[in-house]
Amino acid sequence: VDEAIKTRWRITAKKVYDEMKILLLTCSICLSTFDCPVTIPCGHNFCQNCLLSTWTESYSCPQCRTLFETRPELKKNTVLSTVVETFRVRSSKTEGGSIFSVRKGCRRKSSHSSSSIAAH
């Protein structure tokens, strides 16, 4: 009986861990793993293109609604980008297929921005 409980607990813990990985590495706009994650002054992270697509007339955080008077300089979150890529690679090796959508695009052109983003 004890072994069955331990096994069930391990399975539950792994599911929670996997779900947390996905939640922490997911853009709240597109609901996919971050693609070229950028950090804005309030501290929230989004895919660069997702964030730019929300900034049409004003500049506010899609998550906490903090309003910025001018368009904030976007900083690429290199640490978050590395973590996402690491989990993509590990996930594809251990599970036979990645649980993360494979999207790469920091270099994609956005119709909303002609300037490149700075590394953070």
N, C-alpha and C. Protein backbone atom coordinates (compact mmCIF):
# COMPACT_ATOMS: atom_id res chain seq x y z
N VAL A 1 0.83 -1.20 0.00
CA VAL A 1 0.00 0.00 0.00
C VAL A 1 0.87 1.25 0.00
N ASP A 2 1.90 1.27 0.80
CA ASP A 2 2.78 2.43 0.86
C ASP A 2 3.44 2.72 -0.48
N GLU A 3 3.84 1.65 -1.18
CA GLU A 3 4.50 1.83 -2.49
C GLU A 3 3.53 2.41 -3.51
N ALA A 4 2.27 1.99 -3.46
CA ALA A 4 1.26 2.52 -4.37
C ALA A 4 1.03 4.01 -4.11
N ILE A 5 1.01 4.40 -2.85
CA ILE A 5 0.84 5.82 -2.51
C ILE A 5 2.03 6.63 -2.98
N LYS A 6 3.24 6.11 -2.79
CA LYS A 6 4.45 6.80 -3.24
C LYS A 6 4.44 6.97 -4.76
N THR A 7 4.05 5.93 -5.46
CA THR A 7 4.01 5.99 -6.92
C THR A 7 2.99 7.02 -7.38
N ARG A 8 1.82 7.00 -6.78
CA ARG A 8 0.78 7.97 -7.14
C ARG A 8 1.24 9.39 -6.84
N TRP A 9 1.93 9.58 -5.72
CA TRP A 9 2.45 10.90 -5.36
C TRP A 9 3.49 11.37 -6.37
N ARG A 10 4.39 10.46 -6.79
CA ARG A 10 5.41 10.82 -7.78
C ARG A 10 4.78 11.23 -9.10
N ILE A 11 3.77 10.50 -9.53
CA ILE A 11 3.08 10.83 -10.78
C ILE A 11 2.41 12.19 -10.67
N THR A 12 1.73 12.44 -9.57
CA THR A 12 1.06 13.72 -9.35
C THR A 12 2.08 14.86 -9.30
N ALA A 13 3.18 14.66 -8.59
CA ALA A 13 4.21 15.69 -8.49
C ALA A 13 4.81 16.00 -9.86
N LYS A 14 5.03 14.98 -10.67
CA LYS A 14 5.58 15.21 -12.00
C LYS A 14 4.60 15.98 -12.87
N LYS A 15 3.32 15.65 -12.78
CA LYS A 15 2.31 16.38 -13.56
C LYS A 15 2.28 17.85 -13.16
N VAL A 16 2.31 18.11 -11.86
CA VAL A 16 2.30 19.49 -11.37
C VAL A 16 3.55 20.22 -11.86
N TYR A 17 4.70 19.55 -11.76
CA TYR A 17 5.96 20.15 -12.22
C TYR A 17 5.90 20.47 -13.71
N ASP A 18 5.41 19.55 -14.52
CA ASP A 18 5.31 19.78 -15.96
C ASP A 18 4.36 20.93 -16.27
N GLU A 19 3.24 20.99 -15.56
CA GLU A 19 2.29 22.07 -15.78
C GLU A 19 2.87 23.42 -15.36
N MET A 20 3.63 23.45 -14.28
CA MET A 20 4.26 24.69 -13.84
C MET A 20 5.30 25.15 -14.86
N LYS A 21 6.07 24.22 -15.40
CA LYS A 21 7.05 24.58 -16.43
C LYS A 21 6.34 25.27 -17.59
N ILE A 22 5.24 24.67 -18.02
CA ILE A 22 4.51 25.22 -19.16
C ILE A 22 3.94 26.59 -18.81
N LEU A 23 3.33 26.73 -17.64
CA LEU A 23 2.75 28.02 -17.24
C LEU A 23 3.80 29.11 -17.14
N LEU A 24 4.94 28.80 -16.57
CA LEU A 24 5.97 29.81 -16.37
C LEU A 24 6.68 30.18 -17.66
N LEU A 25 6.59 29.35 -18.67
CA LEU A 25 7.27 29.60 -19.92
C LEU A 25 6.30 29.95 -21.05
N THR A 26 5.09 30.35 -20.68
CA THR A 26 4.04 30.62 -21.66
C THR A 26 3.67 32.09 -21.70
N CYS A 27 3.57 32.62 -22.89
CA CYS A 27 3.13 34.00 -23.11
C CYS A 27 1.63 34.08 -22.81
N SER A 28 1.24 35.07 -22.02
CA SER A 28 -0.17 35.20 -21.65
C SER A 28 -1.03 35.76 -22.79
N ILE A 29 -0.41 36.17 -23.88
CA ILE A 29 -1.17 36.67 -25.03
C ILE A 29 -1.50 35.53 -25.99
N CYS A 30 -0.46 34.81 -26.44
CA CYS A 30 -0.69 33.76 -27.44
C CYS A 30 -0.85 32.37 -26.83
N LEU A 31 -0.55 32.25 -25.53
CA LEU A 31 -0.66 30.99 -24.80
C LEU A 31 0.25 29.88 -25.35
N SER A 32 1.34 30.28 -25.99
CA SER A 32 2.37 29.36 -26.43
C SER A 32 3.64 29.68 -25.66
N THR A 33 4.62 28.80 -25.76
CA THR A 33 5.88 29.12 -25.09
C THR A 33 6.46 30.38 -25.72
N PHE A 34 7.24 31.10 -24.91
CA PHE A 34 7.78 32.37 -25.35
C PHE A 34 8.59 32.23 -26.63
N ASP A 35 8.38 33.17 -27.52
CA ASP A 35 9.13 33.29 -28.75
C ASP A 35 9.75 34.67 -28.72
N CYS A 36 11.04 34.75 -28.53
CA CYS A 36 11.75 36.02 -28.39
C CYS A 36 11.14 36.82 -27.23
N PRO A 37 11.24 36.29 -26.01
CA PRO A 37 10.63 36.97 -24.87
C PRO A 37 11.27 38.33 -24.59
N VAL A 38 10.40 39.32 -24.34
CA VAL A 38 10.85 40.65 -23.97
C VAL A 38 10.24 41.00 -22.62
N THR A 39 10.97 41.82 -21.87
CA THR A 39 10.51 42.27 -20.56
C THR A 39 10.18 43.75 -20.65
N ILE A 40 9.04 44.12 -20.09
CA ILE A 40 8.67 45.55 -20.06
C ILE A 40 8.85 46.08 -18.64
N PRO A 41 8.82 47.41 -18.45
CA PRO A 41 9.18 48.00 -17.16
C PRO A 41 8.42 47.48 -15.94
N CYS A 42 7.21 46.99 -16.09
CA CYS A 42 6.47 46.47 -14.93
C CYS A 42 6.96 45.08 -14.54
N GLY A 43 7.83 44.49 -15.38
CA GLY A 43 8.42 43.19 -15.06
C GLY A 43 7.79 42.01 -15.77
N HIS A 44 6.71 42.22 -16.50
CA HIS A 44 6.06 41.11 -17.21
C HIS A 44 6.78 40.81 -18.52
N ASN A 45 6.65 39.56 -18.95
CA ASN A 45 7.31 39.08 -20.16
C ASN A 45 6.27 38.63 -21.17
N PHE A 46 6.57 38.88 -22.45
CA PHE A 46 5.70 38.48 -23.55
C PHE A 46 6.56 38.17 -24.75
N CYS A 47 6.00 37.45 -25.73
CA CYS A 47 6.68 37.32 -27.01
C CYS A 47 6.75 38.74 -27.61
N GLN A 48 7.84 39.05 -28.25
CA GLN A 48 7.99 40.38 -28.82
C GLN A 48 6.84 40.72 -29.76
N ASN A 49 6.56 39.84 -30.71
CA ASN A 49 5.51 40.14 -31.69
C ASN A 49 4.12 40.20 -31.06
N CYS A 50 3.87 39.37 -30.06
CA CYS A 50 2.57 39.41 -29.37
C CYS A 50 2.37 40.77 -28.71
N LEU A 51 3.39 41.22 -28.00
CA LEU A 51 3.29 42.50 -27.30
C LEU A 51 3.10 43.64 -28.29
N LEU A 52 3.89 43.65 -29.34
CA LEU A 52 3.78 44.72 -30.33
C LEU A 52 2.41 44.74 -30.99
N SER A 53 1.79 43.57 -31.15
CA SER A 53 0.47 43.52 -31.77
C SER A 53 -0.61 44.13 -30.87
N THR A 54 -0.35 44.20 -29.56
CA THR A 54 -1.35 44.81 -28.65
C THR A 54 -1.17 46.31 -28.53
N TRP A 55 -0.01 46.80 -28.92
CA TRP A 55 0.28 48.23 -28.78
C TRP A 55 -0.10 48.97 -30.05
N THR A 56 -1.36 49.27 -30.20
CA THR A 56 -1.81 49.97 -31.40
C THR A 56 -1.98 51.47 -31.15
N GLU A 57 -2.67 51.85 -30.09
CA GLU A 57 -2.90 53.27 -29.82
C GLU A 57 -2.27 53.74 -28.51
N SER A 58 -2.12 52.84 -27.57
CA SER A 58 -1.49 53.20 -26.30
C SER A 58 -0.56 52.07 -25.88
N TYR A 59 0.23 52.36 -24.87
CA TYR A 59 1.22 51.39 -24.41
C TYR A 59 0.91 50.99 -22.98
N SER A 60 0.30 49.82 -22.84
CA SER A 60 0.00 49.31 -21.51
C SER A 60 0.36 47.84 -21.45
N CYS A 61 0.58 47.37 -20.24
CA CYS A 61 0.89 45.96 -20.04
C CYS A 61 -0.38 45.14 -20.20
N PRO A 62 -0.37 44.16 -21.09
CA PRO A 62 -1.57 43.33 -21.27
C PRO A 62 -1.93 42.51 -20.03
N GLN A 63 -1.00 42.34 -19.11
CA GLN A 63 -1.26 41.52 -17.94
C GLN A 63 -1.75 42.34 -16.75
N CYS A 64 -0.99 43.38 -16.37
CA CYS A 64 -1.37 44.15 -15.18
C CYS A 64 -2.00 45.50 -15.52
N ARG A 65 -2.02 45.83 -16.79
CA ARG A 65 -2.64 47.06 -17.30
C ARG A 65 -1.90 48.35 -16.93
N THR A 66 -0.66 48.25 -16.46
CA THR A 66 0.13 49.45 -16.20
C THR A 66 0.25 50.23 -17.50
N LEU A 67 -0.05 51.52 -17.44
CA LEU A 67 -0.01 52.38 -18.62
C LEU A 67 1.33 53.11 -18.67
N PHE A 68 1.98 53.07 -19.82
CA PHE A 68 3.24 53.76 -20.03
C PHE A 68 2.98 54.96 -20.93
N GLU A 69 3.52 56.12 -20.55
CA GLU A 69 3.27 57.34 -21.33
C GLU A 69 3.88 57.26 -22.73
N THR A 70 5.06 56.65 -22.81
CA THR A 70 5.72 56.48 -24.10
C THR A 70 6.02 54.99 -24.29
N ARG A 71 6.30 54.63 -25.52
CA ARG A 71 6.59 53.23 -25.81
C ARG A 71 7.88 52.82 -25.11
N PRO A 72 7.79 51.84 -24.18
CA PRO A 72 8.99 51.39 -23.48
C PRO A 72 9.97 50.72 -24.43
N GLU A 73 11.24 50.84 -24.11
CA GLU A 73 12.26 50.12 -24.87
C GLU A 73 12.13 48.65 -24.51
N LEU A 74 12.02 47.82 -25.52
CA LEU A 74 11.88 46.39 -25.27
C LEU A 74 13.25 45.78 -25.07
N LYS A 75 13.35 44.97 -24.03
CA LYS A 75 14.59 44.28 -23.72
C LYS A 75 14.37 42.79 -23.88
N LYS A 76 15.19 42.16 -24.69
CA LYS A 76 15.09 40.71 -24.83
C LYS A 76 15.53 40.09 -23.51
N ASN A 77 14.71 39.21 -22.98
CA ASN A 77 15.04 38.51 -21.75
C ASN A 77 15.84 37.27 -22.14
N THR A 78 17.16 37.43 -22.16
CA THR A 78 18.02 36.35 -22.63
C THR A 78 18.00 35.14 -21.70
N VAL A 79 17.83 35.37 -20.41
CA VAL A 79 17.78 34.24 -19.47
C VAL A 79 16.52 33.41 -19.73
N LEU A 80 15.39 34.08 -19.84
CA LEU A 80 14.13 33.37 -20.11
C LEU A 80 14.20 32.66 -21.46
N SER A 81 14.78 33.30 -22.44
CA SER A 81 14.93 32.70 -23.75
C SER A 81 15.75 31.42 -23.68
N THR A 82 16.83 31.45 -22.91
CA THR A 82 17.69 30.27 -22.74
C THR A 82 16.94 29.16 -22.00
N VAL A 83 16.18 29.51 -20.98
CA VAL A 83 15.41 28.51 -20.22
C VAL A 83 14.38 27.84 -21.13
N VAL A 84 13.67 28.62 -21.92
CA VAL A 84 12.67 28.06 -22.83
C VAL A 84 13.34 27.09 -23.80
N GLU A 85 14.45 27.52 -24.39
CA GLU A 85 15.15 26.66 -25.35
C GLU A 85 15.66 25.38 -24.68
N THR A 86 16.18 25.50 -23.46
CA THR A 86 16.66 24.33 -22.73
C THR A 86 15.54 23.33 -22.49
N PHE A 87 14.38 23.80 -22.06
CA PHE A 87 13.26 22.90 -21.83
C PHE A 87 12.74 22.31 -23.13
N ARG A 88 12.79 23.07 -24.21
CA ARG A 88 12.38 22.52 -25.51
C ARG A 88 13.27 21.34 -25.88
N VAL A 89 14.57 21.53 -25.74
CA VAL A 89 15.53 20.48 -26.10
C VAL A 89 15.36 19.27 -25.19
N ARG A 90 15.31 19.50 -23.88
CA ARG A 90 15.16 18.39 -22.93
C ARG A 90 13.86 17.65 -23.13
N SER A 91 12.80 18.40 -23.37
CA SER A 91 11.49 17.80 -23.55
C SER A 91 11.47 16.91 -24.79
N SER A 92 12.08 17.37 -25.86
CA SER A 92 12.07 16.58 -27.09
C SER A 92 12.91 15.32 -26.94
N LYS A 93 13.96 15.38 -26.11
CA LYS A 93 14.81 14.20 -25.90
C LYS A 93 14.16 13.19 -24.98
N THR A 94 13.51 13.65 -23.91
CA THR A 94 12.97 12.73 -22.91
C THR A 94 11.58 12.23 -23.24
N GLU A 95 10.82 12.99 -24.00
CA GLU A 95 9.45 12.59 -24.26
C GLU A 95 9.21 12.16 -25.69
N GLY A 96 10.26 12.16 -26.50
CA GLY A 96 10.10 11.74 -27.88
C GLY A 96 9.42 12.79 -28.74
N GLY A 97 9.10 13.89 -28.18
CA GLY A 97 8.48 14.99 -28.89
C GLY A 97 8.26 16.11 -27.91
N SER A 98 8.51 17.30 -28.33
CA SER A 98 8.45 18.43 -27.41
C SER A 98 7.02 18.75 -26.99
N ILE A 99 6.85 19.09 -25.72
CA ILE A 99 5.56 19.56 -25.24
C ILE A 99 5.40 21.04 -25.56
N PHE A 100 6.48 21.63 -26.05
CA PHE A 100 6.45 23.04 -26.38
C PHE A 100 6.32 23.21 -27.88
N SER A 101 5.56 24.21 -28.28
CA SER A 101 5.50 24.52 -29.70
C SER A 101 6.84 25.10 -30.11
N VAL A 102 7.30 24.73 -31.26
CA VAL A 102 8.60 25.20 -31.72
C VAL A 102 8.37 26.44 -32.58
N ARG A 103 8.71 27.57 -31.99
CA ARG A 103 8.58 28.83 -32.70
C ARG A 103 9.85 29.61 -32.41
N LYS A 104 10.51 30.01 -33.42
CA LYS A 104 11.68 30.85 -33.24
C LYS A 104 11.43 32.10 -34.05
N GLY A 105 11.79 33.25 -33.50
CA GLY A 105 11.49 34.42 -34.29
C GLY A 105 11.99 35.73 -33.77
N CYS A 106 13.02 35.78 -32.98
CA CYS A 106 13.52 37.07 -32.53
C CYS A 106 13.95 37.92 -33.71
N ARG A 107 14.26 37.26 -34.79
CA ARG A 107 14.72 38.01 -35.96
C ARG A 107 13.60 38.28 -36.95
N ARG A 108 12.40 37.80 -36.63
CA ARG A 108 11.27 38.06 -37.53
C ARG A 108 10.98 39.55 -37.57
N LYS A 109 10.61 40.01 -38.72
CA LYS A 109 10.23 41.41 -38.86
C LYS A 109 8.80 41.56 -38.36
N SER A 110 8.58 42.63 -37.63
CA SER A 110 7.23 42.93 -37.17
C SER A 110 6.78 44.19 -37.88
N SER A 111 5.53 44.23 -38.26
CA SER A 111 5.01 45.43 -38.92
C SER A 111 4.91 46.59 -37.95
N HIS A 112 5.06 46.30 -36.63
CA HIS A 112 4.91 47.33 -35.63
C HIS A 112 6.25 47.95 -35.22
N SER A 113 7.34 47.39 -35.65
CA SER A 113 8.62 47.88 -35.20
C SER A 113 9.67 47.73 -36.28
N SER A 114 10.38 48.79 -36.53
CA SER A 114 11.46 48.71 -37.49
C SER A 114 12.80 48.62 -36.79
N SER A 115 12.78 48.79 -35.49
CA SER A 115 14.05 48.73 -34.76
C SER A 115 14.23 47.37 -34.12
N SER A 116 15.46 47.01 -33.89
CA SER A 116 15.73 45.74 -33.23
C SER A 116 15.58 45.90 -31.74
N ILE A 117 15.49 44.80 -31.05
CA ILE A 117 15.37 44.86 -29.60
C ILE A 117 16.75 44.72 -28.99
N ALA A 118 16.89 45.26 -27.81
CA ALA A 118 18.16 45.18 -27.10
C ALA A 118 18.19 43.93 -26.23
N ALA A 119 19.36 43.34 -26.10
CA ALA A 119 19.49 42.18 -25.20
C ALA A 119 19.45 42.65 -23.78
N HIS A 120 18.82 41.86 -22.92
CA HIS A 120 18.66 42.24 -21.50
C HIS A 120 19.32 41.20 -20.64
